[in-house]
């Protein structure tokens, strides 16, 4: 798994799904448009703070930005 590629592709997917340009999305995140572009092109590593800003701006749970296409989240069964 190339985590930068998975993250960048998911950011782009959710941004487009919400009909946001890179510029409008960057403004909503409080980040620069060229930074968002670099993330989406897998050219930029990203801090945890910026991951949270992006997830909040997209209104998605943070972990969704790290799931590969077709990947499902396993259910955790708790023993009583």
PDB file of N, CA and C in Angstrom:
ATOM      1  N   UNK A   1       0.846  -1.178   0.000  1.00  0.00           N
ATOM      2  CA  UNK A   1       0.000   0.000   0.000  1.00  0.00           C
ATOM      3  C   UNK A   1       0.889   1.238   0.000  1.00  0.00           C
ATOM      4  N   UNK A   2       0.650   2.112  -0.930  1.00  0.00           N
ATOM      5  CA  UNK A   2       1.312   3.420  -0.959  1.00  0.00           C
ATOM      6  C   UNK A   2       0.365   4.396  -0.261  1.00  0.00           C
ATOM      7  N   UNK A   3       0.644   4.676   0.988  1.00  0.00           N
ATOM      8  CA  UNK A   3      -0.270   5.473   1.816  1.00  0.00           C
ATOM      9  C   UNK A   3      -0.487   6.877   1.258  1.00  0.00           C
ATOM     10  N   UNK A   4       0.542   7.475   0.655  1.00  0.00           N
ATOM     11  CA  UNK A   4       0.380   8.814   0.062  1.00  0.00           C
ATOM     12  C   UNK A   4      -0.590   8.768  -1.117  1.00  0.00           C
ATOM     13  N   UNK A   5      -0.493   7.707  -1.918  1.00  0.00           N
ATOM     14  CA  UNK A   5      -1.385   7.574  -3.071  1.00  0.00           C
ATOM     15  C   UNK A   5      -2.820   7.319  -2.623  1.00  0.00           C
ATOM     16  N   UNK A   6      -3.004   6.424  -1.669  1.00  0.00           N
ATOM     17  CA  UNK A   6      -4.354   6.121  -1.169  1.00  0.00           C
ATOM     18  C   UNK A   6      -4.983   7.380  -0.576  1.00  0.00           C
ATOM     19  N   UNK A   7      -4.225   8.064   0.274  1.00  0.00           N
ATOM     20  CA  UNK A   7      -4.749   9.274   0.905  1.00  0.00           C
ATOM     21  C   UNK A   7      -5.081  10.335  -0.148  1.00  0.00           C
ATOM     22  N   UNK A   8      -4.145  10.617  -1.038  1.00  0.00           N
ATOM     23  CA  UNK A   8      -4.361  11.639  -2.062  1.00  0.00           C
ATOM     24  C   UNK A   8      -5.533  11.327  -2.970  1.00  0.00           C
ATOM     25  N   UNK A   9      -5.659  10.060  -3.369  1.00  0.00           N
ATOM     26  CA  UNK A   9      -6.776   9.665  -4.232  1.00  0.00           C
ATOM     27  C   UNK A   9      -8.111   9.811  -3.504  1.00  0.00           C
ATOM     28  N   UNK A  10      -8.125   9.477  -2.220  1.00  0.00           N
ATOM     29  CA  UNK A  10      -9.371   9.611  -1.450  1.00  0.00           C
ATOM     30  C   UNK A  10      -9.742  11.068  -1.227  1.00  0.00           C
ATOM     31  N   UNK A  11      -8.765  11.907  -0.966  1.00  0.00           N
ATOM     32  CA  UNK A  11      -9.043  13.338  -0.823  1.00  0.00           C
ATOM     33  C   UNK A  11      -9.673  13.858  -2.113  1.00  0.00           C
ATOM     34  N   UNK A  12      -9.051  13.528  -3.230  1.00  0.00           N
ATOM     35  CA  UNK A  12      -9.579  13.982  -4.526  1.00  0.00           C
ATOM     36  C   UNK A  12     -11.000  13.451  -4.756  1.00  0.00           C
ATOM     37  N   UNK A  13     -11.209  12.168  -4.476  1.00  0.00           N
ATOM     38  CA  UNK A  13     -12.526  11.554  -4.668  1.00  0.00           C
ATOM     39  C   UNK A  13     -13.601  12.293  -3.863  1.00  0.00           C
ATOM     40  N   UNK A  14     -13.363  12.479  -2.568  1.00  0.00           N
ATOM     41  CA  UNK A  14     -14.358  13.138  -1.716  1.00  0.00           C
ATOM     42  C   UNK A  14     -14.525  14.616  -2.081  1.00  0.00           C
ATOM     43  N   UNK A  15     -13.440  15.277  -2.475  1.00  0.00           N
ATOM     44  CA  UNK A  15     -13.531  16.694  -2.874  1.00  0.00           C
ATOM     45  C   UNK A  15     -14.409  16.834  -4.113  1.00  0.00           C
ATOM     46  N   UNK A  16     -14.168  15.997  -5.105  1.00  0.00           N
ATOM     47  CA  UNK A  16     -14.952  16.050  -6.341  1.00  0.00           C
ATOM     48  C   UNK A  16     -16.407  15.657  -6.070  1.00  0.00           C
ATOM     49  N   UNK A  17     -16.593  14.639  -5.229  1.00  0.00           N
ATOM     50  CA  UNK A  17     -17.945  14.206  -4.864  1.00  0.00           C
ATOM     51  C   UNK A  17     -18.741  15.353  -4.241  1.00  0.00           C
ATOM     52  N   UNK A  18     -18.045  16.260  -3.556  1.00  0.00           N
ATOM     53  CA  UNK A  18     -18.699  17.404  -2.925  1.00  0.00           C
ATOM     54  C   UNK A  18     -18.701  18.635  -3.823  1.00  0.00           C
ATOM     55  N   UNK A  19     -18.276  18.436  -5.061  1.00  0.00           N
ATOM     56  CA  UNK A  19     -18.298  19.494  -6.072  1.00  0.00           C
ATOM     57  C   UNK A  19     -17.492  20.722  -5.648  1.00  0.00           C
ATOM     58  N   UNK A  20     -16.304  20.475  -5.091  1.00  0.00           N
ATOM     59  CA  UNK A  20     -15.427  21.559  -4.654  1.00  0.00           C
ATOM     60  C   UNK A  20     -14.195  21.630  -5.555  1.00  0.00           C
ATOM     61  N   UNK A  21     -13.842  22.829  -5.973  1.00  0.00           N
ATOM     62  CA  UNK A  21     -12.575  23.017  -6.685  1.00  0.00           C
ATOM     63  C   UNK A  21     -11.451  22.895  -5.670  1.00  0.00           C
ATOM     64  N   UNK A  22     -10.228  22.705  -6.153  1.00  0.00           N
ATOM     65  CA  UNK A  22      -9.095  22.671  -5.233  1.00  0.00           C
ATOM     66  C   UNK A  22      -8.988  23.985  -4.469  1.00  0.00           C
ATOM     67  N   UNK A  23      -9.240  25.079  -5.145  1.00  0.00           N
ATOM     68  CA  UNK A  23      -9.141  26.389  -4.505  1.00  0.00           C
ATOM     69  C   UNK A  23     -10.187  26.557  -3.402  1.00  0.00           C
ATOM     70  N   UNK A  24     -11.434  26.212  -3.696  1.00  0.00           N
ATOM     71  CA  UNK A  24     -12.499  26.337  -2.692  1.00  0.00           C
ATOM     72  C   UNK A  24     -12.256  25.382  -1.526  1.00  0.00           C
ATOM     73  N   UNK A  25     -11.802  24.180  -1.845  1.00  0.00           N
ATOM     74  CA  UNK A  25     -11.529  23.200  -0.796  1.00  0.00           C
ATOM     75  C   UNK A  25     -10.370  23.650   0.094  1.00  0.00           C
ATOM     76  N   UNK A  26      -9.312  24.155  -0.525  1.00  0.00           N
ATOM     77  CA  UNK A  26      -8.153  24.637   0.236  1.00  0.00           C
ATOM     78  C   UNK A  26      -8.570  25.748   1.198  1.00  0.00           C
ATOM     79  N   UNK A  27      -9.402  26.648   0.724  1.00  0.00           N
ATOM     80  CA  UNK A  27      -9.876  27.748   1.569  1.00  0.00           C
ATOM     81  C   UNK A  27     -10.682  27.203   2.745  1.00  0.00           C
ATOM     82  N   UNK A  28     -11.515  26.206   2.473  1.00  0.00           N
ATOM     83  CA  UNK A  28     -12.336  25.589   3.516  1.00  0.00           C
ATOM     84  C   UNK A  28     -11.459  24.892   4.567  1.00  0.00           C
ATOM     85  N   UNK A  29     -10.333  24.336   4.128  1.00  0.00           N
ATOM     86  CA  UNK A  29      -9.396  23.646   5.034  1.00  0.00           C
ATOM     87  C   UNK A  29      -8.480  24.616   5.765  1.00  0.00           C
ATOM     88  N   UNK A  30      -8.317  25.810   5.217  1.00  0.00           N
ATOM     89  CA  UNK A  30      -7.332  26.743   5.759  1.00  0.00           C
ATOM     90  C   UNK A  30      -5.925  26.401   5.291  1.00  0.00           C
ATOM     91  N   UNK A  31      -5.836  25.761   4.123  1.00  0.00           N
ATOM     92  CA  UNK A  31      -4.552  25.378   3.537  1.00  0.00           C
ATOM     93  C   UNK A  31      -4.411  26.036   2.170  1.00  0.00           C
ATOM     94  N   UNK A  32      -3.235  25.974   1.587  1.00  0.00           N
ATOM     95  CA  UNK A  32      -2.994  26.582   0.282  1.00  0.00           C
ATOM     96  C   UNK A  32      -3.384  25.625  -0.836  1.00  0.00           C
ATOM     97  N   UNK A  33      -3.863  26.155  -1.944  1.00  0.00           N
ATOM     98  CA  UNK A  33      -4.283  25.334  -3.074  1.00  0.00           C
ATOM     99  C   UNK A  33      -3.159  24.461  -3.606  1.00  0.00           C
ATOM    100  N   UNK A  34      -1.941  24.988  -3.650  1.00  0.00           N
ATOM    101  CA  UNK A  34      -0.830  24.183  -4.174  1.00  0.00           C
ATOM    102  C   UNK A  34      -0.504  23.020  -3.230  1.00  0.00           C
ATOM    103  N   UNK A  35      -0.760  23.198  -1.951  1.00  0.00           N
ATOM    104  CA  UNK A  35      -0.563  22.114  -0.984  1.00  0.00           C
ATOM    105  C   UNK A  35      -1.568  20.995  -1.250  1.00  0.00           C
ATOM    106  N   UNK A  36      -2.834  21.353  -1.435  1.00  0.00           N
ATOM    107  CA  UNK A  36      -3.875  20.361  -1.744  1.00  0.00           C
ATOM    108  C   UNK A  36      -3.543  19.656  -3.054  1.00  0.00           C
ATOM    109  N   UNK A  37      -3.108  20.395  -4.042  1.00  0.00           N
ATOM    110  CA  UNK A  37      -2.724  19.810  -5.321  1.00  0.00           C
ATOM    111  C   UNK A  37      -1.603  18.791  -5.142  1.00  0.00           C
ATOM    112  N   UNK A  38      -0.604  19.136  -4.357  1.00  0.00           N
ATOM    113  CA  UNK A  38       0.531  18.226  -4.121  1.00  0.00           C
ATOM    114  C   UNK A  38       0.084  16.970  -3.376  1.00  0.00           C
ATOM    115  N   UNK A  39      -0.834  17.111  -2.426  1.00  0.00           N
ATOM    116  CA  UNK A  39      -1.362  15.955  -1.704  1.00  0.00           C
ATOM    117  C   UNK A  39      -2.100  15.037  -2.679  1.00  0.00           C
ATOM    118  N   UNK A  40      -2.944  15.607  -3.507  1.00  0.00           N
ATOM    119  CA  UNK A  40      -3.725  14.814  -4.461  1.00  0.00           C
ATOM    120  C   UNK A  40      -2.844  14.148  -5.521  1.00  0.00           C
ATOM    121  N   UNK A  41      -1.686  14.731  -5.797  1.00  0.00           N
ATOM    122  CA  UNK A  41      -0.765  14.155  -6.785  1.00  0.00           C
ATOM    123  C   UNK A  41       0.278  13.245  -6.133  1.00  0.00           C
ATOM    124  N   UNK A  42       0.114  12.979  -4.843  1.00  0.00           N
ATOM    125  CA  UNK A  42       0.992  12.068  -4.089  1.00  0.00           C
ATOM    126  C   UNK A  42       2.408  12.620  -3.962  1.00  0.00           C
ATOM    127  N   UNK A  43       2.549  13.926  -3.984  1.00  0.00           N
ATOM    128  CA  UNK A  43       3.865  14.572  -3.935  1.00  0.00           C
ATOM    129  C   UNK A  43       4.189  15.161  -2.573  1.00  0.00           C
ATOM    130  N   UNK A  44       3.253  15.085  -1.660  1.00  0.00           N
ATOM    131  CA  UNK A  44       3.439  15.773  -0.380  1.00  0.00           C
ATOM    132  C   UNK A  44       3.061  14.871   0.773  1.00  0.00           C
ATOM    133  N   UNK A  45       3.958  14.736   1.721  1.00  0.00           N
ATOM    134  CA  UNK A  45       3.615  14.072   2.972  1.00  0.00           C
ATOM    135  C   UNK A  45       2.776  15.070   3.766  1.00  0.00           C
ATOM    136  N   UNK A  46       2.067  14.584   4.773  1.00  0.00           N
ATOM    137  CA  UNK A  46       1.096  15.451   5.424  1.00  0.00           C
ATOM    138  C   UNK A  46       1.102  15.211   6.931  1.00  0.00           C
ATOM    139  N   UNK A  47       0.911  16.276   7.675  1.00  0.00           N
ATOM    140  CA  UNK A  47       0.913  16.174   9.144  1.00  0.00           C
ATOM    141  C   UNK A  47      -0.452  15.697   9.645  1.00  0.00           C
ATOM    142  N   UNK A  48      -0.456  15.200  10.849  1.00  0.00           N
ATOM    143  CA  UNK A  48      -1.719  14.767  11.458  1.00  0.00           C
ATOM    144  C   UNK A  48      -2.699  15.926  11.597  1.00  0.00           C
ATOM    145  N   UNK A  49      -2.198  17.105  11.920  1.00  0.00           N
ATOM    146  CA  UNK A  49      -3.078  18.275  12.031  1.00  0.00           C
ATOM    147  C   UNK A  49      -3.771  18.568  10.707  1.00  0.00           C
ATOM    148  N   UNK A  50      -3.026  18.496   9.612  1.00  0.00           N
ATOM    149  CA  UNK A  50      -3.619  18.782   8.304  1.00  0.00           C
ATOM    150  C   UNK A  50      -4.547  17.665   7.841  1.00  0.00           C
ATOM    151  N   UNK A  51      -4.251  16.424   8.228  1.00  0.00           N
ATOM    152  CA  UNK A  51      -5.163  15.315   7.934  1.00  0.00           C
ATOM    153  C   UNK A  51      -6.509  15.597   8.588  1.00  0.00           C
ATOM    154  N   UNK A  52      -6.486  16.041   9.830  1.00  0.00           N
ATOM    155  CA  UNK A  52      -7.727  16.346  10.546  1.00  0.00           C
ATOM    156  C   UNK A  52      -8.470  17.513   9.898  1.00  0.00           C
ATOM    157  N   UNK A  53      -7.751  18.553   9.493  1.00  0.00           N
ATOM    158  CA  UNK A  53      -8.389  19.692   8.818  1.00  0.00           C
ATOM    159  C   UNK A  53      -9.089  19.241   7.544  1.00  0.00           C
ATOM    160  N   UNK A  54      -8.415  18.390   6.783  1.00  0.00           N
ATOM    161  CA  UNK A  54      -8.976  17.899   5.516  1.00  0.00           C
ATOM    162  C   UNK A  54     -10.212  17.051   5.777  1.00  0.00           C
ATOM    163  N   UNK A  55     -10.135  16.128   6.725  1.00  0.00           N
ATOM    164  CA  UNK A  55     -11.288  15.278   7.045  1.00  0.00           C
ATOM    165  C   UNK A  55     -12.482  16.121   7.493  1.00  0.00           C
ATOM    166  N   UNK A  56     -12.234  17.107   8.337  1.00  0.00           N
ATOM    167  CA  UNK A  56     -13.324  17.967   8.802  1.00  0.00           C
ATOM    168  C   UNK A  56     -13.928  18.771   7.652  1.00  0.00           C
ATOM    169  N   UNK A  57     -13.090  19.288   6.773  1.00  0.00           N
ATOM    170  CA  UNK A  57     -13.589  20.061   5.633  1.00  0.00           C
ATOM    171  C   UNK A  57     -14.398  19.190   4.681  1.00  0.00           C
ATOM    172  N   UNK A  58     -14.064  17.906   4.602  1.00  0.00           N
ATOM    173  CA  UNK A  58     -14.805  16.973   3.747  1.00  0.00           C
ATOM    174  C   UNK A  58     -16.004  16.357   4.469  1.00  0.00           C
ATOM    175  N   UNK A  59     -16.090  16.571   5.783  1.00  0.00           N
ATOM    176  CA  UNK A  59     -17.142  15.975   6.616  1.00  0.00           C
ATOM    177  C   UNK A  59     -17.133  14.446   6.527  1.00  0.00           C
ATOM    178  N   UNK A  60     -15.926  13.875   6.637  1.00  0.00           N
ATOM    179  CA  UNK A  60     -15.786  12.413   6.653  1.00  0.00           C
ATOM    180  C   UNK A  60     -14.975  12.002   7.876  1.00  0.00           C
ATOM    181  N   UNK A  61     -15.186  10.779   8.323  1.00  0.00           N
ATOM    182  CA  UNK A  61     -14.347  10.243   9.382  1.00  0.00           C
ATOM    183  C   UNK A  61     -12.931  10.101   8.836  1.00  0.00           C
ATOM    184  N   UNK A  62     -11.962  10.468   9.626  1.00  0.00           N
ATOM    185  CA  UNK A  62     -10.569  10.504   9.191  1.00  0.00           C
ATOM    186  C   UNK A  62     -10.108   9.178   8.599  1.00  0.00           C
ATOM    187  N   UNK A  63     -10.483   8.071   9.212  1.00  0.00           N
ATOM    188  CA  UNK A  63     -10.002   6.770   8.746  1.00  0.00           C
ATOM    189  C   UNK A  63     -10.416   6.469   7.303  1.00  0.00           C
ATOM    190  N   UNK A  64     -11.518   7.054   6.838  1.00  0.00           N
ATOM    191  CA  UNK A  64     -11.973   6.798   5.472  1.00  0.00           C
ATOM    192  C   UNK A  64     -10.963   7.276   4.430  1.00  0.00           C
ATOM    193  N   UNK A  65     -10.153   8.253   4.793  1.00  0.00           N
ATOM    194  CA  UNK A  65      -9.154   8.772   3.857  1.00  0.00           C
ATOM    195  C   UNK A  65      -7.982   7.809   3.675  1.00  0.00           C
ATOM    196  N   UNK A  66      -7.922   6.763   4.485  1.00  0.00           N
ATOM    197  CA  UNK A  66      -6.826   5.800   4.417  1.00  0.00           C
ATOM    198  C   UNK A  66      -7.249   4.434   3.889  1.00  0.00           C
ATOM    199  N   UNK A  67      -8.501   4.284   3.502  1.00  0.00           N
ATOM    200  CA  UNK A  67      -8.986   3.008   2.993  1.00  0.00           C
ATOM    201  C   UNK A  67      -8.738   2.895   1.492  1.00  0.00           C
ATOM    202  N   UNK A  68      -8.150   1.773   1.085  1.00  0.00           N
ATOM    203  CA  UNK A  68      -7.976   1.519  -0.339  1.00  0.00           C
ATOM    204  C   UNK A  68      -9.334   1.222  -0.955  1.00  0.00           C
ATOM    205  N   UNK A  69      -9.504   1.493  -2.253  1.00  0.00           N
ATOM    206  CA  UNK A  69     -10.781   1.195  -2.909  1.00  0.00           C
ATOM    207  C   UNK A  69     -11.158  -0.281  -2.713  1.00  0.00           C
ATOM    208  N   UNK A  70     -12.403  -0.509  -2.357  1.00  0.00           N
ATOM    209  CA  UNK A  70     -12.896  -1.861  -2.149  1.00  0.00           C
ATOM    210  C   UNK A  70     -12.575  -2.438  -0.779  1.00  0.00           C
ATOM    211  N   UNK A  71     -11.811  -1.720   0.015  1.00  0.00           N
ATOM    212  CA  UNK A  71     -11.443  -2.195   1.346  1.00  0.00           C
ATOM    213  C   UNK A  71     -12.601  -1.966   2.311  1.00  0.00           C
ATOM    214  N   UNK A  72     -12.894  -2.956   3.121  1.00  0.00           N
ATOM    215  CA  UNK A  72     -13.949  -2.817   4.119  1.00  0.00           C
ATOM    216  C   UNK A  72     -13.329  -2.799   5.505  1.00  0.00           C
ATOM    217  N   UNK A  73     -14.019  -2.218   6.423  1.00  0.00           N
ATOM    218  CA  UNK A  73     -13.536  -2.129   7.795  1.00  0.00           C
ATOM    219  C   UNK A  73     -14.048  -3.346   8.535  1.00  0.00           C
ATOM    220  N   UNK A  74     -13.139  -4.135   9.114  1.00  0.00           N
ATOM    221  CA  UNK A  74     -13.603  -5.323   9.845  1.00  0.00           C
ATOM    222  C   UNK A  74     -14.365  -4.922  11.103  1.00  0.00           C
ATOM    223  N   UNK A  75     -15.362  -5.690  11.419  1.00  0.00           N
ATOM    224  CA  UNK A  75     -16.116  -5.445  12.641  1.00  0.00           C
ATOM    225  C   UNK A  75     -15.376  -6.077  13.811  1.00  0.00           C
ATOM    226  N   UNK A  76     -15.383  -5.364  14.895  1.00  0.00           N
ATOM    227  CA  UNK A  76     -14.734  -5.866  16.103  1.00  0.00           C
ATOM    228  C   UNK A  76     -15.808  -6.470  16.996  1.00  0.00           C
ATOM    229  N   UNK A  77     -15.628  -7.722  17.326  1.00  0.00           N
ATOM    230  CA  UNK A  77     -16.572  -8.391  18.211  1.00  0.00           C
ATOM    231  C   UNK A  77     -16.009  -8.376  19.622  1.00  0.00           C
ATOM    232  N   UNK A  78     -16.765  -7.835  20.507  1.00  0.00           N
ATOM    233  CA  UNK A  78     -16.341  -7.763  21.908  1.00  0.00           C
ATOM    234  C   UNK A  78     -16.921  -8.947  22.658  1.00  0.00           C
ATOM    235  N   UNK A  79     -16.089  -9.507  23.490  1.00  0.00           N
ATOM    236  CA  UNK A  79     -16.560 -10.602  24.332  1.00  0.00           C
ATOM    237  C   UNK A  79     -17.148 -10.027  25.612  1.00  0.00           C
ATOM    238  N   UNK A  80     -18.231 -10.605  26.058  1.00  0.00           N
ATOM    239  CA  UNK A  80     -18.881 -10.124  27.282  1.00  0.00           C
ATOM    240  C   UNK A  80     -18.264 -10.734  28.507  1.00  0.00           C
TER     241      UNK A  80
END
